């Protein structure tokens, strides 16, 4: 069933944005809601500048005009524009469900396609997608997929570190994992002994790991007689297996979510991301949540310089609003 234009209820863009953010706040983190706000603010501004004071009037041509304007106004690269248009698409799909716009209007949002080589440097799993992947907690609770994704997102650890963990490195009651460099026993950390450190977990993630160990972990040892945390029937999980797992689980198609590239005839869903993109997204999420840079640097075992150059993907608008928060207290 589709909504006829005559059945739409008038609503101002700013009001729609507010209601949408309230809706997202019921099951998303504060930083995710903030990201939605930042990405939708330019759309609300554009509507005001172009005399659109009722979303009922919005057309596919308007969306195309906004897309071109947003690219030029923000001098955005293709990947950043993709993020803005994807968020607008989510807003319009929600708006269609409350009879604010035609139900199929969101299908007219042209989300830029980004080739793998274009997105490799900047791709990341954003907080909203990480939140949505939490469907694993309901439908695949404590599975290997659930445990791997929960650990990677919360700790921002590298694949090699996740691969190196033993059951004995997980301290459930104290809510942390201990990363240890063991080159003579088949596992290494990228920064060797300087990468050794305890990494705090929330009680919820510690519980996921405990449930995984107790129910779904295959009780095997590796060739060094160690008890790996993440296992297959043959022993310690391989790093490439962790990579394949993340590509599979982060694809919107896997969780039956909307996928801008769902018609793409490709072996791997273009929306899926690598473990490094999860690490980059986790670091950006911590920074967006106002965790001090030095704390993030120590937690993720990455130098301040490398963090600034390669991992901090906060938009200029996000950073401005965070600085504004400090100024408000002066």
Protein backbone atom coordinates (compact mmCIF):
# COMPACT_ATOMS: atom_id res chain seq x y z
CA UNK A 1 0.00 0.00 0.00
CA UNK A 2 1.35 3.45 -0.97
CA UNK A 3 0.48 6.83 0.46
CA UNK A 4 -1.35 9.25 -1.86
CA UNK A 5 -0.15 12.85 -1.73
CA UNK A 6 -3.63 13.93 -0.65
CA UNK A 7 -3.28 11.74 2.44
CA UNK A 8 -0.06 13.35 3.65
CA UNK A 9 -0.01 15.41 6.82
CA UNK A 10 1.90 18.72 6.61
CA UNK A 11 5.19 18.87 8.52
CA UNK A 12 8.07 21.33 8.53
CA UNK A 13 11.56 19.97 7.75
CA UNK A 14 12.93 21.03 11.13
CA UNK A 15 10.02 19.40 12.95
CA UNK A 16 10.51 16.21 10.97
CA UNK A 17 14.21 16.21 11.84
CA UNK A 18 13.40 16.56 15.53
CA UNK A 19 10.84 13.76 15.51
CA UNK A 20 13.18 11.52 13.55
CA UNK A 21 16.02 12.10 16.01
CA UNK A 22 13.67 11.37 18.92
CA UNK A 23 12.75 8.13 17.17
CA UNK A 24 16.40 7.15 16.66
CA UNK A 25 17.23 8.02 20.27
CA UNK A 26 15.05 5.14 21.47
CA UNK A 27 17.50 2.51 20.19
CA UNK A 28 20.70 4.34 19.20
CA UNK A 29 23.60 5.80 21.14
CA UNK A 30 23.85 9.56 21.77
CA UNK A 31 26.77 9.84 19.34
CA UNK A 32 24.77 8.09 16.61
CA UNK A 33 21.90 10.54 17.09
CA UNK A 34 24.40 13.39 16.97
CA UNK A 35 25.82 12.09 13.69
CA UNK A 36 22.30 12.00 12.23
CA UNK A 37 21.74 15.57 13.37
CA UNK A 38 24.97 16.85 11.81
CA UNK A 39 24.23 15.13 8.50
CA UNK A 40 20.65 16.40 8.35
CA UNK A 41 21.33 20.00 9.40
CA UNK A 42 22.44 20.99 5.86
CA UNK A 43 19.23 19.47 4.42
CA UNK A 44 17.05 21.49 6.80
CA UNK A 45 19.06 24.61 5.93
CA UNK A 46 18.70 23.92 2.21
CA UNK A 47 14.94 23.52 2.58
CA UNK A 48 14.74 26.91 4.31
CA UNK A 49 16.79 28.59 1.62
CA UNK A 50 14.62 27.10 -1.13
CA UNK A 51 11.21 27.83 0.34
CA UNK A 52 10.35 24.23 1.24
CA UNK A 53 8.50 24.58 4.53
CA UNK A 54 6.44 21.40 4.16
CA UNK A 55 8.03 18.03 3.42
CA UNK A 56 4.83 16.99 1.63
CA UNK A 57 6.05 19.18 -1.26
CA UNK A 58 9.40 17.40 -1.59
CA UNK A 59 9.95 15.72 -4.96
CA UNK A 60 12.58 13.55 -6.57
CA UNK A 61 13.84 16.58 -8.49
CA UNK A 62 14.24 18.48 -5.21
CA UNK A 63 16.32 15.62 -3.80
CA UNK A 64 18.56 15.68 -6.87
CA UNK A 65 18.98 19.46 -6.56
CA UNK A 66 19.88 19.07 -2.89
CA UNK A 67 22.41 16.36 -3.73
CA UNK A 68 24.21 18.63 -6.20
CA UNK A 69 24.03 21.59 -3.80
CA UNK A 70 25.36 19.57 -0.86
CA UNK A 71 28.34 18.35 -2.87
CA UNK A 72 29.28 21.88 -3.92
CA UNK A 73 28.38 23.62 -0.65
CA UNK A 74 30.53 21.31 1.44
CA UNK A 75 33.10 20.52 -1.25
CA UNK A 76 32.49 16.88 -0.33
CA UNK A 77 34.28 13.87 -1.71
CA UNK A 78 32.21 10.97 -2.97
CA UNK A 79 32.50 8.93 0.21
CA UNK A 80 31.38 11.78 2.49
CA UNK A 81 28.53 12.69 0.15
CA UNK A 82 27.47 9.05 0.27
CA UNK A 83 27.16 9.26 4.07
CA UNK A 84 25.02 12.40 3.89
CA UNK A 85 22.71 11.00 1.23
CA UNK A 86 22.39 7.64 3.00
CA UNK A 87 21.24 9.46 6.15
CA UNK A 88 18.73 11.49 4.13
CA UNK A 89 17.44 8.24 2.64
CA UNK A 90 16.87 6.83 6.13
CA UNK A 91 15.04 10.03 7.16
CA UNK A 92 12.76 9.92 4.12
CA UNK A 93 11.97 6.24 4.63
CA UNK A 94 10.95 7.03 8.20
CA UNK A 95 8.99 10.09 7.01
CA UNK A 96 7.09 7.86 4.61
CA UNK A 97 6.04 5.64 7.51
CA UNK A 98 4.38 8.59 9.29
CA UNK A 99 2.68 9.96 6.15
CA UNK A 100 4.98 12.97 5.88
CA UNK A 101 6.19 12.11 2.35
CA UNK A 102 5.16 9.50 -0.24
CA UNK A 103 6.28 6.07 0.95
CA UNK A 104 8.50 5.44 -2.05
CA UNK A 105 10.21 8.84 -2.06
CA UNK A 106 13.29 7.45 -0.33
CA UNK A 107 13.90 5.25 -3.38
CA UNK A 108 14.60 8.40 -5.38
CA UNK A 109 17.62 9.32 -3.26
CA UNK A 110 20.69 8.72 -5.41
CA UNK A 111 23.39 7.40 -3.08
CA UNK A 112 26.79 7.70 -4.83
CA UNK A 113 28.50 4.42 -5.62
CA UNK A 114 32.05 4.29 -4.31
CA UNK A 115 34.50 1.82 -5.82
CA UNK A 116 36.55 -0.27 -3.36
CA UNK A 117 39.76 1.52 -4.31
CA UNK A 118 38.08 4.89 -3.64
CA UNK A 119 36.77 3.95 -0.23
CA UNK A 120 39.70 1.91 1.05
CA UNK A 121 41.50 4.81 2.75
CA UNK A 122 38.47 6.33 4.47
CA UNK A 123 35.93 3.54 4.83
CA UNK A 124 34.69 2.84 8.31
CA UNK A 125 31.83 1.20 10.12
CA UNK A 126 29.84 4.07 11.59
CA UNK A 127 28.13 3.96 14.97
CA UNK A 128 24.66 3.53 13.51
CA UNK A 129 25.64 0.46 11.51
CA UNK A 130 27.46 -0.94 14.54
CA UNK A 131 24.28 -0.43 16.57
CA UNK A 132 22.20 -2.18 13.92
CA UNK A 133 24.59 -5.11 13.90
CA UNK A 134 23.56 -5.59 17.52
CA UNK A 135 20.69 -7.61 16.05
CA UNK A 136 23.21 -10.41 16.57
CA UNK A 137 22.54 -10.10 20.30
CA UNK A 138 18.94 -11.06 19.67
CA UNK A 139 19.13 -13.58 16.86
CA UNK A 140 22.67 -14.95 17.18
CA UNK A 141 23.50 -14.24 20.80
CA UNK A 142 26.97 -15.39 21.88
CA UNK A 143 27.72 -16.87 18.45
CA UNK A 144 31.29 -16.56 17.21
CA UNK A 145 30.09 -13.76 14.89
CA UNK A 146 28.50 -11.90 17.80
CA UNK A 147 31.56 -12.28 20.05
CA UNK A 148 34.03 -11.21 17.33
CA UNK A 149 32.01 -8.15 16.30
CA UNK A 150 31.36 -7.06 19.89
CA UNK A 151 35.07 -7.30 20.71
CA UNK A 152 36.30 -5.56 17.54
CA UNK A 153 33.87 -2.66 17.85
CA UNK A 154 34.36 -1.97 21.54
CA UNK A 155 38.12 -2.41 21.70
CA UNK A 156 39.04 -1.20 18.22
CA UNK A 157 41.65 -3.92 18.23
CA UNK A 158 43.46 -5.18 15.15
CA UNK A 159 42.74 -8.58 13.61
CA UNK A 160 46.11 -9.88 14.79
CA UNK A 161 45.29 -9.01 18.38
CA UNK A 162 41.88 -10.70 18.22
CA UNK A 163 43.52 -13.74 16.64
CA UNK A 164 46.10 -13.87 19.46
CA UNK A 165 43.65 -14.02 22.37
CA UNK A 166 43.36 -17.09 24.57
CA UNK A 167 40.48 -17.94 26.88
CA UNK A 168 42.81 -17.16 29.79
CA UNK A 169 43.29 -13.61 28.49
CA UNK A 170 39.63 -12.77 29.14
CA UNK A 171 38.92 -11.52 32.65
CA UNK A 172 35.16 -11.62 32.85
CA UNK A 173 34.68 -10.51 36.44
CA UNK A 174 37.11 -7.60 36.06
CA UNK A 175 35.72 -6.64 32.62
CA UNK A 176 38.89 -6.51 30.54
CA UNK A 177 41.04 -8.44 28.05
CA UNK A 178 44.81 -8.73 28.22
CA UNK A 179 46.71 -8.47 24.93
CA UNK A 180 50.03 -10.35 24.99
CA UNK A 181 52.77 -10.65 22.35
CA UNK A 182 53.74 -14.37 22.07
CA UNK A 183 55.92 -14.77 18.96
CA UNK A 184 57.43 -18.04 20.22
CA UNK A 185 53.92 -19.49 20.53
CA UNK A 186 52.53 -18.53 17.14
CA UNK A 187 50.80 -15.20 17.82
CA UNK A 188 52.09 -11.64 17.58
CA UNK A 189 50.93 -8.08 18.13
CA UNK A 190 51.70 -5.46 15.50
CA UNK A 191 53.75 -3.32 17.86
CA UNK A 192 55.28 -6.35 19.61
CA UNK A 193 55.73 -5.92 23.37
CA UNK A 194 54.80 -2.23 23.20
CA UNK A 195 51.38 -3.39 22.05
CA UNK A 196 50.81 -5.43 25.19
CA UNK A 197 48.13 -3.90 27.37
CA UNK A 198 44.87 -4.55 29.23
CA UNK A 199 41.79 -3.20 27.42
CA UNK A 200 38.63 -2.48 29.37
CA UNK A 201 35.28 -3.96 28.38
CA UNK A 202 31.77 -3.02 29.35
CA UNK A 203 30.03 -5.65 31.49
CA UNK A 204 27.69 -6.33 28.56
CA UNK A 205 30.53 -7.23 26.17
CA UNK A 206 32.29 -9.24 28.86
CA UNK A 207 29.05 -11.19 29.28
CA UNK A 208 28.85 -11.85 25.53
CA UNK A 209 32.37 -13.29 25.61
CA UNK A 210 31.55 -15.39 28.67
CA UNK A 211 28.40 -16.76 27.02
CA UNK A 212 30.33 -17.49 23.82
CA UNK A 213 33.02 -19.39 25.74
CA UNK A 214 30.38 -21.34 27.63
CA UNK A 215 28.12 -22.23 24.70
CA UNK A 216 29.51 -21.79 21.18
CA UNK A 217 33.28 -21.88 21.44
CA UNK A 218 34.70 -25.13 20.08
CA UNK A 219 36.73 -26.72 22.86
CA UNK A 220 40.02 -27.21 21.03
CA UNK A 221 43.67 -26.31 21.56
CA UNK A 222 46.15 -24.98 19.01
CA UNK A 223 49.45 -26.55 17.98
CA UNK A 224 51.16 -24.89 20.96
CA UNK A 225 48.77 -26.41 23.48
CA UNK A 226 47.02 -23.07 24.08
CA UNK A 227 43.27 -22.52 24.40
CA UNK A 228 42.38 -19.94 21.72
CA UNK A 229 39.43 -17.65 22.34
CA UNK A 230 38.15 -17.75 18.77
CA UNK A 231 38.25 -21.24 17.28
CA UNK A 232 37.26 -23.48 14.41
CA UNK A 233 37.00 -27.26 14.49
CA UNK A 234 40.71 -27.34 13.65
CA UNK A 235 42.07 -24.95 16.27
CA UNK A 236 42.75 -21.20 16.45
CA UNK A 237 40.77 -19.15 13.97
CA UNK A 238 42.86 -17.72 11.11
CA UNK A 239 43.10 -13.98 10.61
CA UNK A 240 41.64 -14.29 7.11
CA UNK A 241 38.64 -16.11 8.58
CA UNK A 242 38.03 -13.14 10.88
CA UNK A 243 38.21 -10.83 7.85
CA UNK A 244 35.69 -12.93 5.91
CA UNK A 245 33.42 -12.99 8.95
CA UNK A 246 33.38 -9.20 9.22
CA UNK A 247 32.70 -8.74 5.50
CA UNK A 248 29.76 -11.11 5.78
CA UNK A 249 28.24 -9.72 8.97
CA UNK A 250 28.61 -6.01 8.08
CA UNK A 251 26.74 -6.39 4.79
CA UNK A 252 23.24 -4.87 5.19
CA UNK A 253 21.96 -7.78 3.11
CA UNK A 254 23.06 -10.16 5.89
CA UNK A 255 20.69 -8.54 8.38
CA UNK A 256 18.02 -7.85 5.75
CA UNK A 257 18.49 -4.09 6.09
CA UNK A 258 18.21 -1.50 3.33
CA UNK A 259 21.27 -1.62 1.09
CA UNK A 260 21.93 1.16 -1.45
CA UNK A 261 23.83 -1.39 -3.54
CA UNK A 262 21.43 -4.29 -3.13
CA UNK A 263 21.12 -4.60 -6.91
CA UNK A 264 24.87 -4.77 -7.39
CA UNK A 265 25.94 -7.97 -9.10
CA UNK A 266 29.14 -8.43 -7.15
CA UNK A 267 30.59 -11.33 -5.20
CA UNK A 268 31.02 -9.22 -2.06
CA UNK A 269 28.42 -6.67 -0.98
CA UNK A 270 29.92 -3.19 -1.62
CA UNK A 271 28.46 -2.03 1.70
CA UNK A 272 30.42 -4.61 3.72
CA UNK A 273 33.52 -3.35 5.51
CA UNK A 274 36.85 -4.78 6.61
CA UNK A 275 38.08 -5.24 10.18
CA UNK A 276 40.27 -2.16 9.72
CA UNK A 277 37.16 -0.13 8.89
CA UNK A 278 35.65 -1.38 12.15
CA UNK A 279 38.77 -0.21 13.99
CA UNK A 280 38.61 3.17 12.26
CA UNK A 281 34.90 3.49 13.06
CA UNK A 282 35.45 2.50 16.70
CA UNK A 283 38.18 5.10 17.15
CA UNK A 284 36.03 7.80 15.54
CA UNK A 285 33.08 6.76 17.73
CA UNK A 286 35.17 7.13 20.91
CA UNK A 287 36.41 10.55 19.79
CA UNK A 288 32.91 11.68 18.83
CA UNK A 289 31.77 10.60 22.30
CA UNK A 290 34.27 13.10 23.80
CA UNK A 291 36.75 10.49 25.04
CA UNK A 292 40.10 12.39 25.25
CA UNK A 293 42.43 11.79 22.32
CA UNK A 294 45.27 10.56 24.55
CA UNK A 295 42.98 7.98 26.15
CA UNK A 296 41.88 6.73 22.73
CA UNK A 297 45.51 6.67 21.56
CA UNK A 298 46.55 4.48 24.49
CA UNK A 299 43.51 2.22 24.32
CA UNK A 300 43.86 1.53 20.61
CA UNK A 301 47.68 1.39 20.66
CA UNK A 302 48.10 4.01 17.95
CA UNK A 303 50.28 7.13 18.07
CA UNK A 304 48.66 10.54 18.23
CA UNK A 305 50.12 11.44 14.81
CA UNK A 306 48.86 8.27 13.10
CA UNK A 307 45.49 8.63 14.81
CA UNK A 308 45.08 12.18 13.50
CA UNK A 309 46.22 11.29 9.97
CA UNK A 310 44.49 7.96 9.39
CA UNK A 311 41.85 7.16 11.99
CA UNK A 312 40.06 10.31 13.14
CA UNK A 313 37.19 10.62 10.65
CA UNK A 314 35.06 13.13 12.52
CA UNK A 315 33.58 15.70 10.18
CA UNK A 316 34.50 19.35 10.62
CA UNK A 317 30.93 19.98 11.78
CA UNK A 318 31.20 17.33 14.51
CA UNK A 319 34.51 18.78 15.71
CA UNK A 320 33.04 22.29 15.70
CA UNK A 321 30.07 21.22 17.83
CA UNK A 322 32.37 19.43 20.26
CA UNK A 323 34.50 22.56 20.62
CA UNK A 324 31.32 24.57 21.12
CA UNK A 325 30.48 22.31 24.07
CA UNK A 326 33.70 23.32 25.78
CA UNK A 327 33.13 27.01 25.03
CA UNK A 328 29.67 26.83 26.60
CA UNK A 329 31.33 26.02 29.93
CA UNK A 330 33.61 29.08 29.89
